[in-house]
Amino acid sequence: MEQYRVHFLKSAKTDMYNIGQYISEQLSAPRVALRKVDTIENKIKKKLYFWPQKHRLIDNTILASKGLRMMNVEGRIAFFFINEKKKIVKVWRIIHSKRDWANLLSENSSI
């Protein structure tokens, strides 16, 4: 089985930071925030390391044509691209599943 490197783009790192900030400040739980961010990052890596193609393309024709895929992790949706040639998965965004992620992604579709 081939292995892929998982790389978090700046936008995904910002999303992770914002998740941590929200939990730490709004919920007054800084330790929980650190564990949650670590858990999300580790689960994304684990799920994408061996077979990232098992996760479906997004339901947006424009973004799907660019190869954008999605997967659920810890109440969030991670959006990512696969570079088959280099065996790299690039995680683009991590958005809470209850947010209007379709509009958020459409607004930022310059990928």
N, C-alpha and C. Protein backbone atom coordinates (compact mmCIF):
# COMPACT_ATOMS: atom_id res chain seq x y z
N MET A 1 0.84 -1.18 0.00
CA MET A 1 0.00 0.00 0.00
C MET A 1 0.89 1.25 0.00
N GLU A 2 0.58 2.17 -0.90
CA GLU A 2 1.38 3.39 -0.99
C GLU A 2 1.03 4.35 0.14
N GLN A 3 2.02 5.10 0.56
CA GLN A 3 1.83 6.07 1.63
C GLN A 3 1.89 7.48 1.05
N TYR A 4 1.09 8.35 1.61
CA TYR A 4 1.03 9.74 1.20
C TYR A 4 1.53 10.62 2.33
N ARG A 5 2.18 11.70 1.97
CA ARG A 5 2.52 12.72 2.96
C ARG A 5 1.32 13.64 3.08
N VAL A 6 1.00 14.04 4.28
CA VAL A 6 -0.14 14.93 4.52
C VAL A 6 0.41 16.29 4.92
N HIS A 7 0.05 17.29 4.14
CA HIS A 7 0.54 18.65 4.36
C HIS A 7 -0.65 19.57 4.62
N PHE A 8 -0.60 20.34 5.69
CA PHE A 8 -1.65 21.30 6.02
C PHE A 8 -1.27 22.66 5.43
N LEU A 9 -2.10 23.16 4.52
CA LEU A 9 -1.87 24.47 3.93
C LEU A 9 -2.13 25.55 4.98
N LYS A 10 -1.68 26.76 4.68
CA LYS A 10 -1.82 27.88 5.62
C LYS A 10 -3.27 28.08 6.04
N SER A 11 -4.20 27.94 5.11
CA SER A 11 -5.62 28.13 5.42
C SER A 11 -6.11 27.08 6.41
N ALA A 12 -5.64 25.84 6.29
CA ALA A 12 -6.03 24.78 7.24
C ALA A 12 -5.40 25.03 8.60
N LYS A 13 -4.16 25.51 8.61
CA LYS A 13 -3.50 25.83 9.88
C LYS A 13 -4.23 26.96 10.59
N THR A 14 -4.70 27.93 9.82
CA THR A 14 -5.49 29.03 10.39
C THR A 14 -6.79 28.50 10.97
N ASP A 15 -7.44 27.59 10.25
CA ASP A 15 -8.67 26.98 10.75
C ASP A 15 -8.41 26.26 12.07
N MET A 16 -7.32 25.50 12.14
CA MET A 16 -6.97 24.77 13.37
C MET A 16 -6.72 25.75 14.52
N TYR A 17 -6.02 26.82 14.23
CA TYR A 17 -5.76 27.85 15.25
C TYR A 17 -7.08 28.43 15.76
N ASN A 18 -7.98 28.73 14.84
CA ASN A 18 -9.27 29.30 15.22
C ASN A 18 -10.11 28.33 16.04
N ILE A 19 -10.04 27.06 15.73
CA ILE A 19 -10.73 26.04 16.52
C ILE A 19 -10.20 26.07 17.96
N GLY A 20 -8.89 26.06 18.08
CA GLY A 20 -8.26 26.11 19.40
C GLY A 20 -8.61 27.36 20.16
N GLN A 21 -8.57 28.51 19.48
CA GLN A 21 -8.90 29.78 20.12
C GLN A 21 -10.33 29.80 20.63
N TYR A 22 -11.23 29.31 19.80
CA TYR A 22 -12.65 29.30 20.19
C TYR A 22 -12.86 28.46 21.45
N ILE A 23 -12.33 27.25 21.46
CA ILE A 23 -12.50 26.36 22.61
C ILE A 23 -11.82 26.95 23.84
N SER A 24 -10.64 27.49 23.66
CA SER A 24 -9.88 28.04 24.77
C SER A 24 -10.55 29.28 25.37
N GLU A 25 -10.96 30.21 24.52
CA GLU A 25 -11.48 31.49 25.00
C GLU A 25 -12.99 31.47 25.26
N GLN A 26 -13.75 31.01 24.29
CA GLN A 26 -15.21 31.04 24.43
C GLN A 26 -15.73 29.99 25.41
N LEU A 27 -15.07 28.85 25.44
CA LEU A 27 -15.50 27.78 26.34
C LEU A 27 -14.64 27.69 27.60
N SER A 28 -13.66 28.58 27.69
CA SER A 28 -12.74 28.63 28.84
C SER A 28 -12.12 27.26 29.15
N ALA A 29 -11.61 26.63 28.10
CA ALA A 29 -11.03 25.30 28.26
C ALA A 29 -9.73 25.16 27.45
N PRO A 30 -8.66 25.83 27.87
CA PRO A 30 -7.42 25.80 27.10
C PRO A 30 -6.81 24.41 26.94
N ARG A 31 -6.89 23.58 27.97
CA ARG A 31 -6.33 22.22 27.85
C ARG A 31 -7.14 21.37 26.88
N VAL A 32 -8.44 21.52 26.95
CA VAL A 32 -9.32 20.80 26.02
C VAL A 32 -9.02 21.26 24.60
N ALA A 33 -8.78 22.55 24.43
CA ALA A 33 -8.49 23.11 23.11
C ALA A 33 -7.26 22.45 22.50
N LEU A 34 -6.20 22.34 23.29
CA LEU A 34 -4.97 21.71 22.78
C LEU A 34 -5.20 20.26 22.39
N ARG A 35 -5.91 19.53 23.24
CA ARG A 35 -6.18 18.11 22.93
C ARG A 35 -7.05 17.98 21.68
N LYS A 36 -8.04 18.85 21.56
CA LYS A 36 -8.96 18.78 20.41
C LYS A 36 -8.22 19.04 19.11
N VAL A 37 -7.39 20.06 19.09
CA VAL A 37 -6.63 20.39 17.89
C VAL A 37 -5.68 19.24 17.54
N ASP A 38 -4.99 18.69 18.53
CA ASP A 38 -4.11 17.55 18.28
C ASP A 38 -4.88 16.35 17.75
N THR A 39 -6.03 16.09 18.34
CA THR A 39 -6.85 14.96 17.91
C THR A 39 -7.30 15.14 16.46
N ILE A 40 -7.77 16.32 16.12
CA ILE A 40 -8.21 16.58 14.75
C ILE A 40 -7.05 16.38 13.78
N GLU A 41 -5.91 16.98 14.08
CA GLU A 41 -4.75 16.86 13.19
C GLU A 41 -4.32 15.40 13.03
N ASN A 42 -4.23 14.67 14.12
CA ASN A 42 -3.79 13.27 14.05
C ASN A 42 -4.77 12.38 13.31
N LYS A 43 -6.07 12.62 13.51
CA LYS A 43 -7.07 11.82 12.80
C LYS A 43 -7.06 12.11 11.31
N ILE A 44 -6.86 13.36 10.94
CA ILE A 44 -6.78 13.70 9.52
C ILE A 44 -5.57 12.98 8.90
N LYS A 45 -4.43 13.07 9.54
CA LYS A 45 -3.23 12.42 9.02
C LYS A 45 -3.45 10.91 8.89
N LYS A 46 -4.00 10.31 9.91
CA LYS A 46 -4.21 8.86 9.92
C LYS A 46 -5.16 8.43 8.80
N LYS A 47 -6.24 9.18 8.61
CA LYS A 47 -7.23 8.83 7.59
C LYS A 47 -6.72 9.04 6.17
N LEU A 48 -5.79 9.98 5.99
CA LEU A 48 -5.33 10.30 4.63
C LEU A 48 -3.99 9.67 4.26
N TYR A 49 -3.35 9.07 5.21
CA TYR A 49 -2.00 8.54 5.02
C TYR A 49 -1.94 7.43 3.97
N PHE A 50 -2.87 6.51 3.99
CA PHE A 50 -2.80 5.36 3.09
C PHE A 50 -3.72 5.40 1.88
N TRP A 51 -4.94 5.84 2.04
CA TRP A 51 -5.90 5.73 0.94
C TRP A 51 -6.81 6.94 0.90
N PRO A 52 -6.27 8.11 0.56
CA PRO A 52 -7.09 9.33 0.57
C PRO A 52 -8.20 9.33 -0.49
N GLN A 53 -8.06 8.51 -1.52
CA GLN A 53 -9.06 8.48 -2.60
C GLN A 53 -10.40 7.91 -2.15
N LYS A 54 -10.44 7.24 -1.00
CA LYS A 54 -11.71 6.66 -0.54
C LYS A 54 -12.70 7.73 -0.10
N HIS A 55 -12.22 8.94 0.13
CA HIS A 55 -13.10 10.04 0.52
C HIS A 55 -13.64 10.72 -0.73
N ARG A 56 -14.90 11.08 -0.67
CA ARG A 56 -15.60 11.54 -1.88
C ARG A 56 -15.22 12.95 -2.32
N LEU A 57 -15.44 13.18 -3.61
CA LEU A 57 -15.30 14.53 -4.15
C LEU A 57 -16.43 15.38 -3.59
N ILE A 58 -16.17 16.66 -3.46
CA ILE A 58 -17.17 17.60 -2.96
C ILE A 58 -18.31 17.72 -3.97
N ASP A 59 -19.50 18.08 -3.48
CA ASP A 59 -20.69 18.18 -4.33
C ASP A 59 -20.81 19.52 -5.06
N ASN A 60 -19.72 20.14 -5.35
CA ASN A 60 -19.72 21.40 -6.07
C ASN A 60 -18.93 21.15 -7.36
N THR A 61 -19.57 21.32 -8.49
CA THR A 61 -18.93 20.95 -9.76
C THR A 61 -17.61 21.66 -10.01
N ILE A 62 -17.56 22.93 -9.72
CA ILE A 62 -16.33 23.70 -9.98
C ILE A 62 -15.20 23.19 -9.08
N LEU A 63 -15.48 23.06 -7.78
CA LEU A 63 -14.45 22.61 -6.85
C LEU A 63 -14.10 21.13 -7.07
N ALA A 64 -15.10 20.32 -7.41
CA ALA A 64 -14.83 18.91 -7.68
C ALA A 64 -13.96 18.75 -8.92
N SER A 65 -14.13 19.63 -9.90
CA SER A 65 -13.31 19.56 -11.12
C SER A 65 -11.84 19.85 -10.82
N LYS A 66 -11.60 20.53 -9.69
CA LYS A 66 -10.22 20.80 -9.26
C LYS A 66 -9.69 19.68 -8.36
N GLY A 67 -10.56 18.68 -8.09
CA GLY A 67 -10.13 17.54 -7.29
C GLY A 67 -10.34 17.68 -5.80
N LEU A 68 -11.16 18.64 -5.38
CA LEU A 68 -11.38 18.85 -3.95
C LEU A 68 -12.22 17.71 -3.36
N ARG A 69 -11.71 17.10 -2.31
CA ARG A 69 -12.39 16.02 -1.61
C ARG A 69 -12.70 16.46 -0.19
N MET A 70 -13.55 15.67 0.48
CA MET A 70 -13.93 16.02 1.84
C MET A 70 -14.04 14.77 2.71
N MET A 71 -13.83 14.99 4.02
CA MET A 71 -14.01 13.90 4.98
C MET A 71 -14.42 14.49 6.32
N ASN A 72 -15.16 13.71 7.09
CA ASN A 72 -15.59 14.13 8.42
C ASN A 72 -14.56 13.72 9.45
N VAL A 73 -14.34 14.63 10.40
CA VAL A 73 -13.44 14.33 11.51
C VAL A 73 -13.80 15.22 12.71
N GLU A 74 -14.17 14.59 13.81
CA GLU A 74 -14.42 15.30 15.06
C GLU A 74 -15.42 16.46 14.91
N GLY A 75 -16.52 16.23 14.20
CA GLY A 75 -17.53 17.27 14.06
C GLY A 75 -17.17 18.36 13.07
N ARG A 76 -16.10 18.15 12.34
CA ARG A 76 -15.66 19.10 11.33
C ARG A 76 -15.53 18.38 9.99
N ILE A 77 -15.37 19.17 8.95
CA ILE A 77 -15.13 18.61 7.63
C ILE A 77 -13.79 19.13 7.14
N ALA A 78 -12.93 18.20 6.78
CA ALA A 78 -11.63 18.56 6.23
C ALA A 78 -11.74 18.47 4.71
N PHE A 79 -11.29 19.50 4.04
CA PHE A 79 -11.31 19.57 2.58
C PHE A 79 -9.86 19.48 2.09
N PHE A 80 -9.62 18.64 1.10
CA PHE A 80 -8.25 18.37 0.69
C PHE A 80 -8.13 18.01 -0.79
N PHE A 81 -6.90 18.11 -1.28
CA PHE A 81 -6.54 17.74 -2.65
C PHE A 81 -5.48 16.64 -2.59
N ILE A 82 -5.46 15.82 -3.61
CA ILE A 82 -4.45 14.76 -3.70
C ILE A 82 -3.56 15.04 -4.90
N ASN A 83 -2.26 15.04 -4.68
CA ASN A 83 -1.30 15.12 -5.76
C ASN A 83 -0.73 13.71 -5.94
N GLU A 84 -1.27 12.98 -6.89
CA GLU A 84 -0.88 11.58 -7.10
C GLU A 84 0.58 11.45 -7.52
N LYS A 85 1.02 12.38 -8.32
CA LYS A 85 2.39 12.32 -8.83
C LYS A 85 3.41 12.36 -7.69
N LYS A 86 3.19 13.27 -6.74
CA LYS A 86 4.12 13.45 -5.63
C LYS A 86 3.71 12.67 -4.38
N LYS A 87 2.53 12.04 -4.42
CA LYS A 87 2.00 11.29 -3.27
C LYS A 87 1.86 12.20 -2.04
N ILE A 88 1.24 13.36 -2.29
CA ILE A 88 1.02 14.34 -1.22
C ILE A 88 -0.48 14.66 -1.15
N VAL A 89 -0.98 14.74 0.07
CA VAL A 89 -2.34 15.22 0.30
C VAL A 89 -2.22 16.60 0.92
N LYS A 90 -2.89 17.56 0.31
CA LYS A 90 -2.85 18.94 0.82
C LYS A 90 -4.21 19.27 1.44
N VAL A 91 -4.21 19.44 2.76
CA VAL A 91 -5.43 19.80 3.48
C VAL A 91 -5.61 21.31 3.34
N TRP A 92 -6.73 21.70 2.74
CA TRP A 92 -6.98 23.10 2.42
C TRP A 92 -7.76 23.82 3.51
N ARG A 93 -8.87 23.24 3.96
CA ARG A 93 -9.72 23.88 4.97
C ARG A 93 -10.23 22.83 5.95
N ILE A 94 -10.55 23.29 7.17
CA ILE A 94 -11.18 22.46 8.19
C ILE A 94 -12.29 23.31 8.79
N ILE A 95 -13.54 22.93 8.51
CA ILE A 95 -14.69 23.77 8.85
C ILE A 95 -15.69 22.96 9.67
N HIS A 96 -16.26 23.58 10.68
CA HIS A 96 -17.26 22.90 11.50
C HIS A 96 -18.41 22.44 10.61
N SER A 97 -18.88 21.24 10.82
CA SER A 97 -19.90 20.66 9.95
C SER A 97 -21.25 21.38 10.03
N LYS A 98 -21.50 22.14 11.09
CA LYS A 98 -22.77 22.86 11.22
C LYS A 98 -22.74 24.23 10.57
N ARG A 99 -21.57 24.65 10.13
CA ARG A 99 -21.47 25.94 9.43
C ARG A 99 -21.91 25.77 7.98
N ASP A 100 -22.18 26.86 7.32
CA ASP A 100 -22.56 26.82 5.90
C ASP A 100 -21.28 26.72 5.08
N TRP A 101 -20.66 25.55 5.12
CA TRP A 101 -19.36 25.37 4.48
C TRP A 101 -19.43 25.50 2.97
N ALA A 102 -20.56 25.19 2.37
CA ALA A 102 -20.68 25.31 0.91
C ALA A 102 -20.47 26.76 0.49
N ASN A 103 -21.11 27.70 1.20
CA ASN A 103 -20.93 29.12 0.87
C ASN A 103 -19.54 29.60 1.23
N LEU A 104 -19.00 29.15 2.37
CA LEU A 104 -17.64 29.54 2.76
C LEU A 104 -16.64 29.13 1.68
N LEU A 105 -16.78 27.94 1.16
CA LEU A 105 -15.84 27.46 0.14
C LEU A 105 -16.06 28.18 -1.19
N SER A 106 -17.31 28.47 -1.52
CA SER A 106 -17.60 29.19 -2.77
C SER A 106 -16.99 30.58 -2.75
N GLU A 107 -17.04 31.23 -1.58
CA GLU A 107 -16.47 32.55 -1.44
C GLU A 107 -14.95 32.52 -1.61
N ASN A 108 -14.34 31.41 -1.22
CA ASN A 108 -12.89 31.26 -1.29
C ASN A 108 -12.48 30.24 -2.35
N SER A 109 -13.19 30.20 -3.43
CA SER A 109 -12.92 29.16 -4.42
C SER A 109 -11.68 29.43 -5.27
N SER A 110 -10.93 30.46 -4.97
CA SER A 110 -9.71 30.73 -5.72
C SER A 110 -8.58 29.85 -5.18
N ILE A 111 -8.66 28.58 -5.50
CA ILE A 111 -7.68 27.61 -5.01
C ILE A 111 -6.78 27.14 -6.13
